[in-house]
N, C-alpha and C. Protein backbone atom coordinates (compact mmCIF):
# COMPACT_ATOMS: atom_id res chain seq x y z
N MET A 1 0.84 -1.18 0.00
CA MET A 1 0.00 0.00 0.00
C MET A 1 0.88 1.24 0.00
N ILE A 2 0.55 2.19 -0.82
CA ILE A 2 1.30 3.44 -0.92
C ILE A 2 0.60 4.48 -0.04
N PRO A 3 1.34 5.07 0.89
CA PRO A 3 0.74 6.10 1.74
C PRO A 3 0.22 7.27 0.91
N ASP A 4 -0.83 7.93 1.40
CA ASP A 4 -1.41 9.08 0.70
C ASP A 4 -0.49 10.28 0.73
N ARG A 5 0.33 10.37 1.73
CA ARG A 5 1.17 11.56 1.89
C ARG A 5 2.60 11.13 2.21
N ARG A 6 3.53 11.66 1.49
CA ARG A 6 4.93 11.33 1.71
C ARG A 6 5.53 12.33 2.69
N SER A 7 6.10 11.81 3.77
CA SER A 7 6.69 12.69 4.76
C SER A 7 8.21 12.68 4.66
N THR A 8 8.75 11.75 3.89
CA THR A 8 10.19 11.64 3.74
C THR A 8 10.53 11.72 2.26
N HIS A 9 11.56 12.46 1.93
CA HIS A 9 12.03 12.58 0.55
C HIS A 9 13.54 12.38 0.52
N CYS A 10 14.04 11.95 -0.62
CA CYS A 10 15.48 11.76 -0.75
C CYS A 10 15.94 12.16 -2.15
N ILE A 11 17.22 12.43 -2.26
CA ILE A 11 17.84 12.60 -3.57
C ILE A 11 18.36 11.23 -3.93
N SER A 12 17.81 10.65 -4.97
CA SER A 12 18.11 9.27 -5.31
C SER A 12 19.34 9.14 -6.20
N VAL A 13 20.08 8.07 -6.01
CA VAL A 13 21.15 7.72 -6.92
C VAL A 13 20.54 7.24 -8.23
N THR A 14 21.34 7.19 -9.27
CA THR A 14 20.94 6.61 -10.55
C THR A 14 21.69 5.29 -10.70
N THR A 15 21.01 4.27 -11.18
CA THR A 15 21.63 2.95 -11.29
C THR A 15 22.32 2.77 -12.64
N PHE A 16 23.45 2.09 -12.62
CA PHE A 16 24.23 1.80 -13.81
C PHE A 16 24.59 0.32 -13.82
N ASP A 17 24.77 -0.24 -15.01
CA ASP A 17 25.18 -1.64 -15.10
C ASP A 17 26.71 -1.73 -15.08
N ALA A 18 27.24 -2.95 -15.21
CA ALA A 18 28.68 -3.18 -15.12
C ALA A 18 29.47 -2.44 -16.20
N SER A 19 28.81 -2.14 -17.34
CA SER A 19 29.51 -1.43 -18.42
C SER A 19 29.46 0.09 -18.24
N GLY A 20 28.70 0.55 -17.24
CA GLY A 20 28.58 1.98 -17.00
C GLY A 20 27.37 2.62 -17.65
N ALA A 21 26.54 1.82 -18.32
CA ALA A 21 25.33 2.33 -18.97
C ALA A 21 24.19 2.43 -17.94
N PHE A 22 23.28 3.35 -18.17
CA PHE A 22 22.09 3.50 -17.34
C PHE A 22 21.35 2.17 -17.28
N ASP A 23 21.05 1.69 -16.08
CA ASP A 23 20.36 0.42 -15.89
C ASP A 23 18.90 0.71 -15.54
N GLU A 24 18.07 0.74 -16.58
CA GLU A 24 16.67 1.12 -16.41
C GLU A 24 15.91 0.15 -15.53
N ALA A 25 16.14 -1.15 -15.69
CA ALA A 25 15.43 -2.15 -14.87
C ALA A 25 15.78 -2.00 -13.39
N ALA A 26 17.06 -1.80 -13.10
CA ALA A 26 17.47 -1.62 -11.71
C ALA A 26 16.91 -0.33 -11.14
N MET A 27 16.83 0.72 -11.96
CA MET A 27 16.28 1.99 -11.51
C MET A 27 14.80 1.85 -11.19
N ARG A 28 14.09 1.13 -12.05
CA ARG A 28 12.67 0.90 -11.80
C ARG A 28 12.48 0.16 -10.47
N GLN A 29 13.29 -0.85 -10.23
CA GLN A 29 13.19 -1.62 -8.99
C GLN A 29 13.51 -0.73 -7.78
N HIS A 30 14.52 0.10 -7.91
CA HIS A 30 14.90 1.02 -6.83
C HIS A 30 13.74 1.98 -6.53
N CYS A 31 13.15 2.55 -7.56
CA CYS A 31 12.04 3.49 -7.38
C CYS A 31 10.82 2.82 -6.77
N GLU A 32 10.56 1.58 -7.17
CA GLU A 32 9.44 0.84 -6.59
C GLU A 32 9.65 0.62 -5.10
N ARG A 33 10.89 0.33 -4.70
CA ARG A 33 11.18 0.16 -3.26
C ARG A 33 10.94 1.46 -2.50
N LEU A 34 11.40 2.58 -3.07
CA LEU A 34 11.18 3.87 -2.42
C LEU A 34 9.69 4.17 -2.30
N CYS A 35 8.97 3.94 -3.37
CA CYS A 35 7.53 4.21 -3.39
C CYS A 35 6.79 3.35 -2.37
N THR A 36 7.12 2.07 -2.33
CA THR A 36 6.49 1.16 -1.38
C THR A 36 6.74 1.60 0.06
N ALA A 37 7.91 2.15 0.31
CA ALA A 37 8.26 2.62 1.64
C ALA A 37 7.67 4.00 1.95
N GLY A 38 7.01 4.61 0.97
CA GLY A 38 6.41 5.92 1.18
C GLY A 38 7.41 7.06 1.11
N ILE A 39 8.51 6.85 0.39
CA ILE A 39 9.56 7.86 0.28
C ILE A 39 9.47 8.53 -1.08
N GLY A 40 9.37 9.84 -1.09
CA GLY A 40 9.40 10.60 -2.32
C GLY A 40 10.85 10.75 -2.77
N ALA A 41 11.07 10.87 -4.07
CA ALA A 41 12.45 10.93 -4.56
C ALA A 41 12.63 12.00 -5.62
N TYR A 42 13.75 12.67 -5.54
CA TYR A 42 14.20 13.61 -6.56
C TYR A 42 15.14 12.81 -7.46
N LEU A 43 14.82 12.71 -8.74
CA LEU A 43 15.59 11.88 -9.67
C LEU A 43 16.36 12.73 -10.67
N GLY A 44 17.52 12.23 -11.08
CA GLY A 44 18.26 12.83 -12.18
C GLY A 44 19.07 14.06 -11.84
N GLY A 45 19.21 14.36 -10.57
CA GLY A 45 20.06 15.49 -10.19
C GLY A 45 21.53 15.15 -10.41
N SER A 46 22.38 16.12 -10.24
CA SER A 46 23.80 15.88 -10.49
C SER A 46 24.51 15.25 -9.30
N ALA A 47 23.99 15.45 -8.09
CA ALA A 47 24.66 14.88 -6.92
C ALA A 47 23.62 14.50 -5.89
N PRO A 48 23.49 13.28 -5.50
CA PRO A 48 24.25 12.12 -5.95
C PRO A 48 23.59 11.40 -7.12
N GLY A 49 22.64 12.01 -7.78
CA GLY A 49 21.89 11.33 -8.83
C GLY A 49 22.60 11.06 -10.13
N GLN A 50 23.78 11.58 -10.32
CA GLN A 50 24.59 11.37 -11.52
C GLN A 50 23.86 11.76 -12.80
N GLY A 51 22.85 12.61 -12.70
CA GLY A 51 22.10 13.02 -13.88
C GLY A 51 22.95 13.69 -14.94
N ASN A 52 24.03 14.34 -14.53
CA ASN A 52 24.90 15.01 -15.49
C ASN A 52 25.72 14.03 -16.31
N THR A 53 25.74 12.75 -15.95
CA THR A 53 26.48 11.75 -16.72
C THR A 53 25.60 11.02 -17.73
N LEU A 54 24.29 11.27 -17.68
CA LEU A 54 23.35 10.60 -18.58
C LEU A 54 23.24 11.34 -19.90
N SER A 55 23.02 10.57 -20.97
CA SER A 55 22.72 11.20 -22.26
C SER A 55 21.30 11.78 -22.18
N LEU A 56 20.94 12.63 -23.12
CA LEU A 56 19.58 13.18 -23.13
C LEU A 56 18.54 12.07 -23.25
N ARG A 57 18.85 11.05 -24.03
CA ARG A 57 17.93 9.92 -24.19
C ARG A 57 17.77 9.16 -22.87
N GLU A 58 18.87 8.92 -22.17
CA GLU A 58 18.81 8.21 -20.89
C GLU A 58 18.06 9.05 -19.86
N LEU A 59 18.31 10.35 -19.85
CA LEU A 59 17.63 11.23 -18.92
C LEU A 59 16.12 11.24 -19.19
N ALA A 60 15.74 11.24 -20.46
CA ALA A 60 14.32 11.19 -20.82
C ALA A 60 13.68 9.89 -20.33
N ARG A 61 14.37 8.78 -20.48
CA ARG A 61 13.85 7.49 -19.99
C ARG A 61 13.72 7.49 -18.48
N LEU A 62 14.68 8.09 -17.79
CA LEU A 62 14.61 8.17 -16.34
C LEU A 62 13.37 8.94 -15.91
N PHE A 63 13.09 10.05 -16.57
CA PHE A 63 11.94 10.86 -16.20
C PHE A 63 10.61 10.24 -16.63
N GLU A 64 10.64 9.37 -17.63
CA GLU A 64 9.41 8.69 -18.03
C GLU A 64 8.97 7.78 -16.92
């Protein structure tokens, strides 16, 4: 169950695979864990979200 109101927020890391590419599946799983715990997240920032290392295409997928 997802709480109606989030009282905790975090700046989330961005997940990468062993080759250094954006790992969309791992990011989805990470976000689902945060959501289930009732934690709001800021995604794609430069620190610690590593958003500045993503291509525009990867950043668009992250925000989708």
